[in-house]
Amino acid sequence: MPCSASPGNLREELKEHRVKVTSISPGPTLTASWEGFEAPPDRMMPPEDIASVIWSAYTLAPQTVVEDIMLRPILGDIS
C-alpha cells in the first residue's frame, strides 16, 4: 500500500497498526547545518532542547500521540 507524503494521511494509514506519527518543525537550531550563516548563537535554539521535546513525545503512554511539534526561538525566527 503506498503512503502519502502528508503526516495527517500517514497517521491515518498507520493508526490501525498503532504506529505513532509526529510532524516535527524546529526553527533555527545551533547545529552544523547553520554554519556560514551569520546569526547570534543566543538567538538559536540548542539542539538538546529539540531532542528533549522529541524524547518526551516518544515516551508517552502507548495510547497517546503528539501529532505536531513546532519549536521557535522566543524572540522569533531569524531572517
PDB file of N, CA and C in Angstrom:
ATOM      1  N   MET A   1       0.853  -1.172   0.000  1.00  0.00           N
ATOM      2  CA  MET A   1       0.000   0.000   0.000  1.00  0.00           C
ATOM      3  C   MET A   1       0.902   1.241   0.000  1.00  0.00           C
ATOM      4  N   PRO A   2       0.777   2.134  -0.976  1.00  0.00           N
ATOM      5  CA  PRO A   2       1.592   3.344  -0.998  1.00  0.00           C
ATOM      6  C   PRO A   2       1.160   4.317   0.096  1.00  0.00           C
ATOM      7  N   CYS A   3       2.134   5.033   0.639  1.00  0.00           N
ATOM      8  CA  CYS A   3       1.858   6.042   1.670  1.00  0.00           C
ATOM      9  C   CYS A   3       1.899   7.426   1.041  1.00  0.00           C
ATOM     10  N   SER A   4       1.060   8.307   1.520  1.00  0.00           N
ATOM     11  CA  SER A   4       1.088   9.677   1.041  1.00  0.00           C
ATOM     12  C   SER A   4       2.155  10.452   1.799  1.00  0.00           C
ATOM     13  N   ALA A   5       2.507  11.638   1.322  1.00  0.00           N
ATOM     14  CA  ALA A   5       3.547  12.450   1.940  1.00  0.00           C
ATOM     15  C   ALA A   5       3.035  13.246   3.137  1.00  0.00           C
ATOM     16  N   SER A   6       1.761  13.435   3.238  1.00  0.00           N
ATOM     17  CA  SER A   6       1.187  14.242   4.312  1.00  0.00           C
ATOM     18  C   SER A   6       1.233  13.494   5.641  1.00  0.00           C
ATOM     19  N   PRO A   7       1.757  14.156   6.711  1.00  0.00           N
ATOM     20  CA  PRO A   7       1.767  13.483   8.020  1.00  0.00           C
ATOM     21  C   PRO A   7       0.365  13.065   8.469  1.00  0.00           C
ATOM     22  N   GLY A   8      -0.637  13.877   8.199  1.00  0.00           N
ATOM     23  CA  GLY A   8      -2.002  13.535   8.578  1.00  0.00           C
ATOM     24  C   GLY A   8      -2.479  12.272   7.887  1.00  0.00           C
ATOM     25  N   ASN A   9      -2.205  12.163   6.604  1.00  0.00           N
ATOM     26  CA  ASN A   9      -2.590  10.957   5.860  1.00  0.00           C
ATOM     27  C   ASN A   9      -1.795   9.744   6.327  1.00  0.00           C
ATOM     28  N   LEU A  10      -0.518   9.955   6.593  1.00  0.00           N
ATOM     29  CA  LEU A  10       0.316   8.859   7.068  1.00  0.00           C
ATOM     30  C   LEU A  10      -0.181   8.357   8.423  1.00  0.00           C
ATOM     31  N   ARG A  11      -0.559   9.284   9.300  1.00  0.00           N
ATOM     32  CA  ARG A  11      -1.133   8.893  10.602  1.00  0.00           C
ATOM     33  C   ARG A  11      -2.375   8.034  10.411  1.00  0.00           C
ATOM     34  N   GLU A  12      -3.250   8.475   9.500  1.00  0.00           N
ATOM     35  CA  GLU A  12      -4.489   7.715   9.248  1.00  0.00           C
ATOM     36  C   GLU A  12      -4.172   6.320   8.741  1.00  0.00           C
ATOM     37  N   GLU A  13      -3.194   6.193   7.856  1.00  0.00           N
ATOM     38  CA  GLU A  13      -2.860   4.899   7.286  1.00  0.00           C
ATOM     39  C   GLU A  13      -2.249   3.950   8.312  1.00  0.00           C
ATOM     40  N   LEU A  14      -1.557   4.501   9.304  1.00  0.00           N
ATOM     41  CA  LEU A  14      -0.814   3.659  10.242  1.00  0.00           C
ATOM     42  C   LEU A  14      -1.455   3.477  11.606  1.00  0.00           C
ATOM     43  N   LYS A  15      -2.494   4.242  11.920  1.00  0.00           N
ATOM     44  CA  LYS A  15      -3.046   4.169  13.277  1.00  0.00           C
ATOM     45  C   LYS A  15      -3.616   2.804  13.619  1.00  0.00           C
ATOM     46  N   GLU A  16      -4.177   2.082  12.658  1.00  0.00           N
ATOM     47  CA  GLU A  16      -4.715   0.752  12.963  1.00  0.00           C
ATOM     48  C   GLU A  16      -3.598  -0.214  13.375  1.00  0.00           C
ATOM     49  N   HIS A  17      -2.360   0.131  13.026  1.00  0.00           N
ATOM     50  CA  HIS A  17      -1.201  -0.679  13.414  1.00  0.00           C
ATOM     51  C   HIS A  17      -0.541  -0.120  14.678  1.00  0.00           C
ATOM     52  N   ARG A  18      -1.170   0.894  15.274  1.00  0.00           N
ATOM     53  CA  ARG A  18      -0.688   1.551  16.493  1.00  0.00           C
ATOM     54  C   ARG A  18       0.702   2.168  16.306  1.00  0.00           C
ATOM     55  N   VAL A  19       0.951   2.674  15.089  1.00  0.00           N
ATOM     56  CA  VAL A  19       2.196   3.378  14.797  1.00  0.00           C
ATOM     57  C   VAL A  19       1.943   4.865  14.962  1.00  0.00           C
ATOM     58  N   LYS A  20       2.759   5.507  15.780  1.00  0.00           N
ATOM     59  CA  LYS A  20       2.621   6.945  16.014  1.00  0.00           C
ATOM     60  C   LYS A  20       3.381   7.716  14.942  1.00  0.00           C
ATOM     61  N   VAL A  21       2.792   8.812  14.482  1.00  0.00           N
ATOM     62  CA  VAL A  21       3.436   9.689  13.504  1.00  0.00           C
ATOM     63  C   VAL A  21       3.397  11.098  14.069  1.00  0.00           C
ATOM     64  N   THR A  22       4.562  11.732  14.135  1.00  0.00           N
ATOM     65  CA  THR A  22       4.663  13.090  14.652  1.00  0.00           C
ATOM     66  C   THR A  22       5.381  13.953  13.626  1.00  0.00           C
ATOM     67  N   SER A  23       4.788  15.090  13.299  1.00  0.00           N
ATOM     68  CA  SER A  23       5.412  16.075  12.420  1.00  0.00           C
ATOM     69  C   SER A  23       6.243  17.011  13.298  1.00  0.00           C
ATOM     70  N   ILE A  24       7.541  17.139  12.993  1.00  0.00           N
ATOM     71  CA  ILE A  24       8.445  17.948  13.808  1.00  0.00           C
ATOM     72  C   ILE A  24       8.971  19.107  12.963  1.00  0.00           C
ATOM     73  N   SER A  25       8.736  20.334  13.447  1.00  0.00           N
ATOM     74  CA  SER A  25       9.168  21.542  12.739  1.00  0.00           C
ATOM     75  C   SER A  25       9.992  22.420  13.680  1.00  0.00           C
ATOM     76  N   PRO A  26      11.295  22.161  13.758  1.00  0.00           N
ATOM     77  CA  PRO A  26      12.121  23.017  14.604  1.00  0.00           C
ATOM     78  C   PRO A  26      12.540  24.273  13.848  1.00  0.00           C
ATOM     79  N   GLY A  27      12.668  25.346  14.565  1.00  0.00           N
ATOM     80  CA  GLY A  27      13.197  26.581  13.992  1.00  0.00           C
ATOM     81  C   GLY A  27      14.719  26.513  13.980  1.00  0.00           C
ATOM     82  N   PRO A  28      15.363  27.663  13.885  1.00  0.00           N
ATOM     83  CA  PRO A  28      16.828  27.691  13.827  1.00  0.00           C
ATOM     84  C   PRO A  28      17.453  27.057  15.066  1.00  0.00           C
ATOM     85  N   THR A  29      18.245  26.043  14.813  1.00  0.00           N
ATOM     86  CA  THR A  29      18.876  25.271  15.875  1.00  0.00           C
ATOM     87  C   THR A  29      20.388  25.357  15.700  1.00  0.00           C
ATOM     88  N   LEU A  30      21.097  25.524  16.789  1.00  0.00           N
ATOM     89  CA  LEU A  30      22.536  25.710  16.747  1.00  0.00           C
ATOM     90  C   LEU A  30      23.238  24.393  16.410  1.00  0.00           C
ATOM     91  N   THR A  31      23.257  24.088  15.105  1.00  0.00           N
ATOM     92  CA  THR A  31      23.899  22.874  14.603  1.00  0.00           C
ATOM     93  C   THR A  31      24.760  23.243  13.405  1.00  0.00           C
ATOM     94  N   ALA A  32      25.512  22.276  12.919  1.00  0.00           N
ATOM     95  CA  ALA A  32      26.401  22.494  11.778  1.00  0.00           C
ATOM     96  C   ALA A  32      25.645  22.916  10.518  1.00  0.00           C
ATOM     97  N   SER A  33      24.360  22.612  10.430  1.00  0.00           N
ATOM     98  CA  SER A  33      23.595  22.975   9.235  1.00  0.00           C
ATOM     99  C   SER A  33      23.498  24.494   9.064  1.00  0.00           C
ATOM    100  N   TRP A  34      23.769  25.248  10.122  1.00  0.00           N
ATOM    101  CA  TRP A  34      23.715  26.713  10.051  1.00  0.00           C
ATOM    102  C   TRP A  34      25.098  27.341   9.902  1.00  0.00           C
ATOM    103  N   GLU A  35      26.134  26.535   9.721  1.00  0.00           N
ATOM    104  CA  GLU A  35      27.487  27.085   9.531  1.00  0.00           C
ATOM    105  C   GLU A  35      27.493  28.018   8.331  1.00  0.00           C
ATOM    106  N   GLY A  36      28.171  29.159   8.485  1.00  0.00           N
ATOM    107  CA  GLY A  36      28.247  30.141   7.414  1.00  0.00           C
ATOM    108  C   GLY A  36      27.140  31.173   7.468  1.00  0.00           C
ATOM    109  N   PHE A  37      26.103  30.926   8.241  1.00  0.00           N
ATOM    110  CA  PHE A  37      25.014  31.886   8.395  1.00  0.00           C
ATOM    111  C   PHE A  37      25.323  32.744   9.604  1.00  0.00           C
ATOM    112  N   GLU A  38      25.355  34.026   9.407  1.00  0.00           N
ATOM    113  CA  GLU A  38      25.709  34.936  10.493  1.00  0.00           C
ATOM    114  C   GLU A  38      24.477  35.269  11.323  1.00  0.00           C
ATOM    115  N   ALA A  39      24.380  34.617  12.454  1.00  0.00           N
ATOM    116  CA  ALA A  39      23.282  34.863  13.394  1.00  0.00           C
ATOM    117  C   ALA A  39      23.848  34.721  14.798  1.00  0.00           C
ATOM    118  N   PRO A  40      23.376  35.533  15.712  1.00  0.00           N
ATOM    119  CA  PRO A  40      23.872  35.403  17.081  1.00  0.00           C
ATOM    120  C   PRO A  40      23.487  34.044  17.671  1.00  0.00           C
ATOM    121  N   PRO A  41      24.458  33.310  18.207  1.00  0.00           N
ATOM    122  CA  PRO A  41      24.160  31.984  18.766  1.00  0.00           C
ATOM    123  C   PRO A  41      23.091  32.014  19.855  1.00  0.00           C
ATOM    124  N   ASP A  42      22.976  33.123  20.572  1.00  0.00           N
ATOM    125  CA  ASP A  42      21.968  33.182  21.630  1.00  0.00           C
ATOM    126  C   ASP A  42      20.547  33.344  21.095  1.00  0.00           C
ATOM    127  N   ARG A  43      20.402  33.519  19.783  1.00  0.00           N
ATOM    128  CA  ARG A  43      19.076  33.578  19.155  1.00  0.00           C
ATOM    129  C   ARG A  43      18.654  32.215  18.616  1.00  0.00           C
ATOM    130  N   MET A  44      19.580  31.269  18.646  1.00  0.00           N
ATOM    131  CA  MET A  44      19.292  29.941  18.109  1.00  0.00           C
ATOM    132  C   MET A  44      19.000  28.977  19.255  1.00  0.00           C
ATOM    133  N   MET A  45      18.205  27.977  18.954  1.00  0.00           N
ATOM    134  CA  MET A  45      17.834  27.001  19.971  1.00  0.00           C
ATOM    135  C   MET A  45      18.931  25.942  20.111  1.00  0.00           C
ATOM    136  N   PRO A  46      19.193  25.506  21.336  1.00  0.00           N
ATOM    137  CA  PRO A  46      20.162  24.417  21.500  1.00  0.00           C
ATOM    138  C   PRO A  46      19.559  23.092  21.023  1.00  0.00           C
ATOM    139  N   PRO A  47      20.361  22.276  20.336  1.00  0.00           N
ATOM    140  CA  PRO A  47      19.829  21.005  19.831  1.00  0.00           C
ATOM    141  C   PRO A  47      19.324  20.096  20.941  1.00  0.00           C
ATOM    142  N   GLU A  48      19.856  20.251  22.136  1.00  0.00           N
ATOM    143  CA  GLU A  48      19.397  19.438  23.257  1.00  0.00           C
ATOM    144  C   GLU A  48      17.923  19.704  23.575  1.00  0.00           C
ATOM    145  N   ASP A  49      17.466  20.941  23.365  1.00  0.00           N
ATOM    146  CA  ASP A  49      16.046  21.248  23.587  1.00  0.00           C
ATOM    147  C   ASP A  49      15.164  20.494  22.595  1.00  0.00           C
ATOM    148  N   ILE A  50      15.593  20.447  21.346  1.00  0.00           N
ATOM    149  CA  ILE A  50      14.815  19.733  20.327  1.00  0.00           C
ATOM    150  C   ILE A  50      14.760  18.244  20.688  1.00  0.00           C
ATOM    151  N   ALA A  51      15.911  17.688  21.038  1.00  0.00           N
ATOM    152  CA  ALA A  51      15.980  16.272  21.400  1.00  0.00           C
ATOM    153  C   ALA A  51      15.107  15.976  22.619  1.00  0.00           C
ATOM    154  N   SER A  52      15.100  16.859  23.588  1.00  0.00           N
ATOM    155  CA  SER A  52      14.312  16.659  24.803  1.00  0.00           C
ATOM    156  C   SER A  52      12.815  16.605  24.505  1.00  0.00           C
ATOM    157  N   VAL A  53      12.354  17.490  23.637  1.00  0.00           N
ATOM    158  CA  VAL A  53      10.928  17.503  23.286  1.00  0.00           C
ATOM    159  C   VAL A  53      10.556  16.232  22.511  1.00  0.00           C
ATOM    160  N   ILE A  54      11.414  15.827  21.590  1.00  0.00           N
ATOM    161  CA  ILE A  54      11.147  14.606  20.825  1.00  0.00           C
ATOM    162  C   ILE A  54      11.126  13.399  21.753  1.00  0.00           C
ATOM    163  N   TRP A  55      12.069  13.324  22.669  1.00  0.00           N
ATOM    164  CA  TRP A  55      12.104  12.198  23.613  1.00  0.00           C
ATOM    165  C   TRP A  55      10.850  12.185  24.476  1.00  0.00           C
ATOM    166  N   SER A  56      10.409  13.361  24.911  1.00  0.00           N
ATOM    167  CA  SER A  56       9.192  13.440  25.726  1.00  0.00           C
ATOM    168  C   SER A  56       7.985  12.903  24.967  1.00  0.00           C
ATOM    169  N   ALA A  57       7.875  13.257  23.694  1.00  0.00           N
ATOM    170  CA  ALA A  57       6.760  12.759  22.879  1.00  0.00           C
ATOM    171  C   ALA A  57       6.861  11.243  22.695  1.00  0.00           C
ATOM    172  N   TYR A  58       8.066  10.765  22.502  1.00  0.00           N
ATOM    173  CA  TYR A  58       8.294   9.333  22.265  1.00  0.00           C
ATOM    174  C   TYR A  58       7.932   8.478  23.482  1.00  0.00           C
ATOM    175  N   THR A  59       8.173   9.007  24.663  1.00  0.00           N
ATOM    176  CA  THR A  59       7.996   8.207  25.870  1.00  0.00           C
ATOM    177  C   THR A  59       6.594   8.306  26.478  1.00  0.00           C
ATOM    178  N   LEU A  60       5.663   8.919  25.795  1.00  0.00           N
ATOM    179  CA  LEU A  60       4.292   8.983  26.299  1.00  0.00           C
ATOM    180  C   LEU A  60       3.646   7.592  26.289  1.00  0.00           C
ATOM    181  N   ALA A  61       2.515   7.487  26.961  1.00  0.00           N
ATOM    182  CA  ALA A  61       1.779   6.221  27.010  1.00  0.00           C
ATOM    183  C   ALA A  61       1.454   5.738  25.594  1.00  0.00           C
ATOM    184  N   PRO A  62       1.327   4.432  25.414  1.00  0.00           N
ATOM    185  CA  PRO A  62       1.056   3.873  24.085  1.00  0.00           C
ATOM    186  C   PRO A  62      -0.211   4.420  23.421  1.00  0.00           C
ATOM    187  N   GLN A  63      -1.188   4.834  24.209  1.00  0.00           N
ATOM    188  CA  GLN A  63      -2.439   5.335  23.631  1.00  0.00           C
ATOM    189  C   GLN A  63      -2.409   6.841  23.374  1.00  0.00           C
ATOM    190  N   THR A  64      -1.251   7.490  23.591  1.00  0.00           N
ATOM    191  CA  THR A  64      -1.137   8.939  23.420  1.00  0.00           C
ATOM    192  C   THR A  64      -0.136   9.253  22.318  1.00  0.00           C
ATOM    193  N   VAL A  65      -0.514  10.196  21.454  1.00  0.00           N
ATOM    194  CA  VAL A  65       0.399  10.635  20.389  1.00  0.00           C
ATOM    195  C   VAL A  65       0.431  12.155  20.338  1.00  0.00           C
ATOM    196  N   VAL A  66       1.617  12.705  20.147  1.00  0.00           N
ATOM    197  CA  VAL A  66       1.783  14.128  19.860  1.00  0.00           C
ATOM    198  C   VAL A  66       1.838  14.209  18.343  1.00  0.00           C
ATOM    199  N   GLU A  67       0.877  14.883  17.735  1.00  0.00           N
ATOM    200  CA  GLU A  67       0.807  14.899  16.272  1.00  0.00           C
ATOM    201  C   GLU A  67       1.716  15.947  15.644  1.00  0.00           C
ATOM    202  N   ASP A  68       1.877  17.087  16.303  1.00  0.00           N
ATOM    203  CA  ASP A  68       2.687  18.161  15.744  1.00  0.00           C
ATOM    204  C   ASP A  68       3.564  18.787  16.816  1.00  0.00           C
ATOM    205  N   ILE A  69       4.830  19.016  16.467  1.00  0.00           N
ATOM    206  CA  ILE A  69       5.753  19.735  17.333  1.00  0.00           C
ATOM    207  C   ILE A  69       6.315  20.889  16.519  1.00  0.00           C
ATOM    208  N   MET A  70       6.107  22.121  16.993  1.00  0.00           N
ATOM    209  CA  MET A  70       6.670  23.292  16.345  1.00  0.00           C
ATOM    210  C   MET A  70       7.451  24.063  17.403  1.00  0.00           C
ATOM    211  N   LEU A  71       8.735  24.238  17.162  1.00  0.00           N
ATOM    212  CA  LEU A  71       9.612  24.929  18.101  1.00  0.00           C
ATOM    213  C   LEU A  71      10.215  26.142  17.418  1.00  0.00           C
ATOM    214  N   ARG A  72      10.220  27.267  18.103  1.00  0.00           N
ATOM    215  CA  ARG A  72      10.785  28.503  17.570  1.00  0.00           C
ATOM    216  C   ARG A  72      11.535  29.232  18.682  1.00  0.00           C
ATOM    217  N   PRO A  73      12.539  30.046  18.323  1.00  0.00           N
ATOM    218  CA  PRO A  73      13.200  30.873  19.330  1.00  0.00           C
ATOM    219  C   PRO A  73      12.205  31.858  19.950  1.00  0.00           C
ATOM    220  N   ILE A  74      12.399  32.165  21.205  1.00  0.00           N
ATOM    221  CA  ILE A  74      11.439  33.022  21.912  1.00  0.00           C
ATOM    222  C   ILE A  74      11.323  34.409  21.275  1.00  0.00           C
ATOM    223  N   LEU A  75      12.397  34.904  20.658  1.00  0.00           N
ATOM    224  CA  LEU A  75      12.343  36.222  20.021  1.00  0.00           C
ATOM    225  C   LEU A  75      11.926  36.144  18.549  1.00  0.00           C
ATOM    226  N   GLY A  76      11.517  34.983  18.101  1.00  0.00           N
ATOM    227  CA  GLY A  76      11.052  34.819  16.721  1.00  0.00           C
ATOM    228  C   GLY A  76      12.115  34.251  15.820  1.00  0.00           C
ATOM    229  N   ASP A  77      11.701  33.924  14.603  1.00  0.00           N
ATOM    230  CA  ASP A  77      12.630  33.345  13.627  1.00  0.00           C
ATOM    231  C   ASP A  77      13.712  34.354  13.244  1.00  0.00           C
ATOM    232  N   ILE A  78      14.818  33.813  12.796  1.00  0.00           N
ATOM    233  CA  ILE A  78      15.951  34.619  12.353  1.00  0.00           C
ATOM    234  C   ILE A  78      15.854  34.769  10.846  1.00  0.00           C
ATOM    235  N   SER A  79      15.965  36.002  10.374  1.00  0.00           N
ATOM    236  CA  SER A  79      15.891  36.178   8.910  1.00  0.00           C
ATOM    237  C   SER A  79      17.139  36.835   8.384  1.00  0.00           C
TER     238      SER A  79
END
